Amino acid sequence: MSTDTTQSTQVLDRTPLLLATDRCDRCGAQAYVQVTKAEFELLFCSHHARDNEHTLTTDGWVVHDERWRLVENKTQGEL
């Protein structure tokens, strides 16, 4: 039985690192997900992070996910 060591590390803290000026590498929308592996860094909007989630989480990328900010911003706007 082999153990797969290529799984990503999911960062679950709520420390915002991404700024409004950080843009998705696919479409240019605001980035909410940062993934890193070795010297590589990619930024994704929520949509493109979701589209690439399976690949990123099984290929050893470290994921910093700030999509929770979308829900908080919407909730605060409704108050």
C-alpha atoms as a PDB file:
ATOM      1  CA  MET A   1       0.000   0.000   0.000  1.00  0.00           C
ATOM      2  CA  SER A   2       1.531   3.313  -1.054  1.00  0.00           C
ATOM      3  CA  THR A   3       1.019   6.653   0.609  1.00  0.00           C
ATOM      4  CA  ASP A   4       0.381   9.652  -1.620  1.00  0.00           C
ATOM      5  CA  THR A   5       2.552  12.530  -0.391  1.00  0.00           C
ATOM      6  CA  THR A   6       1.576  14.930  -3.175  1.00  0.00           C
ATOM      7  CA  GLN A   7      -1.475  16.336  -1.410  1.00  0.00           C
ATOM      8  CA  SER A   8      -1.541  20.089  -0.914  1.00  0.00           C
ATOM      9  CA  THR A   9      -1.495  21.964   2.335  1.00  0.00           C
ATOM     10  CA  GLN A  10      -4.704  23.931   2.823  1.00  0.00           C
ATOM     11  CA  VAL A  11      -4.128  27.163   4.720  1.00  0.00           C
ATOM     12  CA  LEU A  12      -7.177  27.768   6.879  1.00  0.00           C
ATOM     13  CA  ASP A  13      -6.236  30.911   8.793  1.00  0.00           C
ATOM     14  CA  ARG A  14      -8.187  34.122   8.318  1.00  0.00           C
ATOM     15  CA  THR A  15      -5.246  36.441   7.752  1.00  0.00           C
ATOM     16  CA  PRO A  16      -5.866  38.378   4.539  1.00  0.00           C
ATOM     17  CA  LEU A  17      -2.730  38.463   2.404  1.00  0.00           C
ATOM     18  CA  LEU A  18      -4.259  39.371  -0.925  1.00  0.00           C
ATOM     19  CA  LEU A  19      -4.997  42.962  -1.854  1.00  0.00           C
ATOM     20  CA  ALA A  20      -7.647  44.382  -4.163  1.00  0.00           C
ATOM     21  CA  THR A  21      -4.824  44.987  -6.641  1.00  0.00           C
ATOM     22  CA  ASP A  22      -3.927  41.264  -6.771  1.00  0.00           C
ATOM     23  CA  ARG A  23      -5.474  39.927  -9.957  1.00  0.00           C
ATOM     24  CA  CYS A  24      -6.365  36.453 -11.238  1.00  0.00           C
ATOM     25  CA  ASP A  25      -3.711  35.056 -13.571  1.00  0.00           C
ATOM     26  CA  ARG A  26      -6.446  33.653 -15.843  1.00  0.00           C
ATOM     27  CA  CYS A  27      -8.928  36.510 -16.261  1.00  0.00           C
ATOM     28  CA  GLY A  28      -7.750  39.592 -14.380  1.00  0.00           C
ATOM     29  CA  ALA A  29     -10.571  39.613 -11.789  1.00  0.00           C
ATOM     30  CA  GLN A  30      -9.733  40.209  -8.126  1.00  0.00           C
ATOM     31  CA  ALA A  31      -7.761  37.268  -6.730  1.00  0.00           C
ATOM     32  CA  TYR A  32      -8.998  35.474  -3.632  1.00  0.00           C
ATOM     33  CA  VAL A  33      -6.818  32.350  -3.835  1.00  0.00           C
ATOM     34  CA  GLN A  34      -3.025  32.185  -3.877  1.00  0.00           C
ATOM     35  CA  VAL A  35      -1.272  28.908  -4.589  1.00  0.00           C
ATOM     36  CA  THR A  36       2.455  28.311  -4.325  1.00  0.00           C
ATOM     37  CA  LYS A  37       4.780  25.446  -5.129  1.00  0.00           C
ATOM     38  CA  ALA A  38       8.550  25.795  -4.927  1.00  0.00           C
ATOM     39  CA  GLU A  39       9.340  29.150  -6.568  1.00  0.00           C
ATOM     40  CA  PHE A  40       6.006  29.359  -8.414  1.00  0.00           C
ATOM     41  CA  GLU A  41       3.003  31.463  -7.388  1.00  0.00           C
ATOM     42  CA  LEU A  42      -0.409  31.638  -9.029  1.00  0.00           C
ATOM     43  CA  LEU A  43      -3.360  33.862  -8.174  1.00  0.00           C
ATOM     44  CA  PHE A  44      -6.957  32.939  -8.959  1.00  0.00           C
ATOM     45  CA  CYS A  45     -10.370  34.539  -8.682  1.00  0.00           C
ATOM     46  CA  SER A  46     -13.008  32.420  -6.962  1.00  0.00           C
ATOM     47  CA  HIS A  47     -14.289  31.032 -10.270  1.00  0.00           C
ATOM     48  CA  HIS A  48     -10.917  29.910 -11.614  1.00  0.00           C
ATOM     49  CA  ALA A  49      -9.832  28.574  -8.215  1.00  0.00           C
ATOM     50  CA  ARG A  50     -12.935  26.372  -8.234  1.00  0.00           C
ATOM     51  CA  ASP A  51     -12.234  25.246 -11.817  1.00  0.00           C
ATOM     52  CA  ASN A  52      -8.644  24.230 -10.913  1.00  0.00           C
ATOM     53  CA  GLU A  53      -9.246  23.048  -7.347  1.00  0.00           C
ATOM     54  CA  HIS A  54      -8.869  19.326  -7.990  1.00  0.00           C
ATOM     55  CA  THR A  55      -5.548  19.719  -9.797  1.00  0.00           C
ATOM     56  CA  LEU A  56      -4.134  22.123  -7.229  1.00  0.00           C
ATOM     57  CA  THR A  57      -5.116  20.047  -4.209  1.00  0.00           C
ATOM     58  CA  THR A  58      -3.747  16.784  -5.628  1.00  0.00           C
ATOM     59  CA  ASP A  59      -0.564  18.188  -7.139  1.00  0.00           C
ATOM     60  CA  GLY A  60       1.196  19.461  -4.014  1.00  0.00           C
ATOM     61  CA  TRP A  61       0.379  23.186  -4.185  1.00  0.00           C
ATOM     62  CA  VAL A  62       0.114  25.187  -0.943  1.00  0.00           C
ATOM     63  CA  VAL A  63      -3.244  26.950  -1.019  1.00  0.00           C
ATOM     64  CA  HIS A  64      -4.102  30.235   0.706  1.00  0.00           C
ATOM     65  CA  ASP A  65      -7.845  30.635   0.252  1.00  0.00           C
ATOM     66  CA  GLU A  66      -9.534  33.946   1.056  1.00  0.00           C
ATOM     67  CA  ARG A  67     -12.880  33.226  -0.577  1.00  0.00           C
ATOM     68  CA  TRP A  68     -14.422  33.582   2.902  1.00  0.00           C
ATOM     69  CA  ARG A  69     -14.005  37.351   2.366  1.00  0.00           C
ATOM     70  CA  LEU A  70     -16.653  37.209  -0.376  1.00  0.00           C
ATOM     71  CA  VAL A  71     -19.249  35.922   2.096  1.00  0.00           C
ATOM     72  CA  GLU A  72     -18.219  38.375   4.832  1.00  0.00           C
ATOM     73  CA  ASN A  73     -18.335  41.329   2.425  1.00  0.00           C
ATOM     74  CA  LYS A  74     -21.785  40.346   1.201  1.00  0.00           C
ATOM     75  CA  THR A  75     -23.072  39.910   4.767  1.00  0.00           C
ATOM     76  CA  GLN A  76     -21.664  43.280   5.863  1.00  0.00           C
ATOM     77  CA  GLY A  77     -23.226  44.973   2.848  1.00  0.00           C
ATOM     78  CA  GLU A  78     -26.679  43.683   3.823  1.00  0.00           C
ATOM     79  CA  LEU A  79     -26.598  45.192   7.329  1.00  0.00           C
END
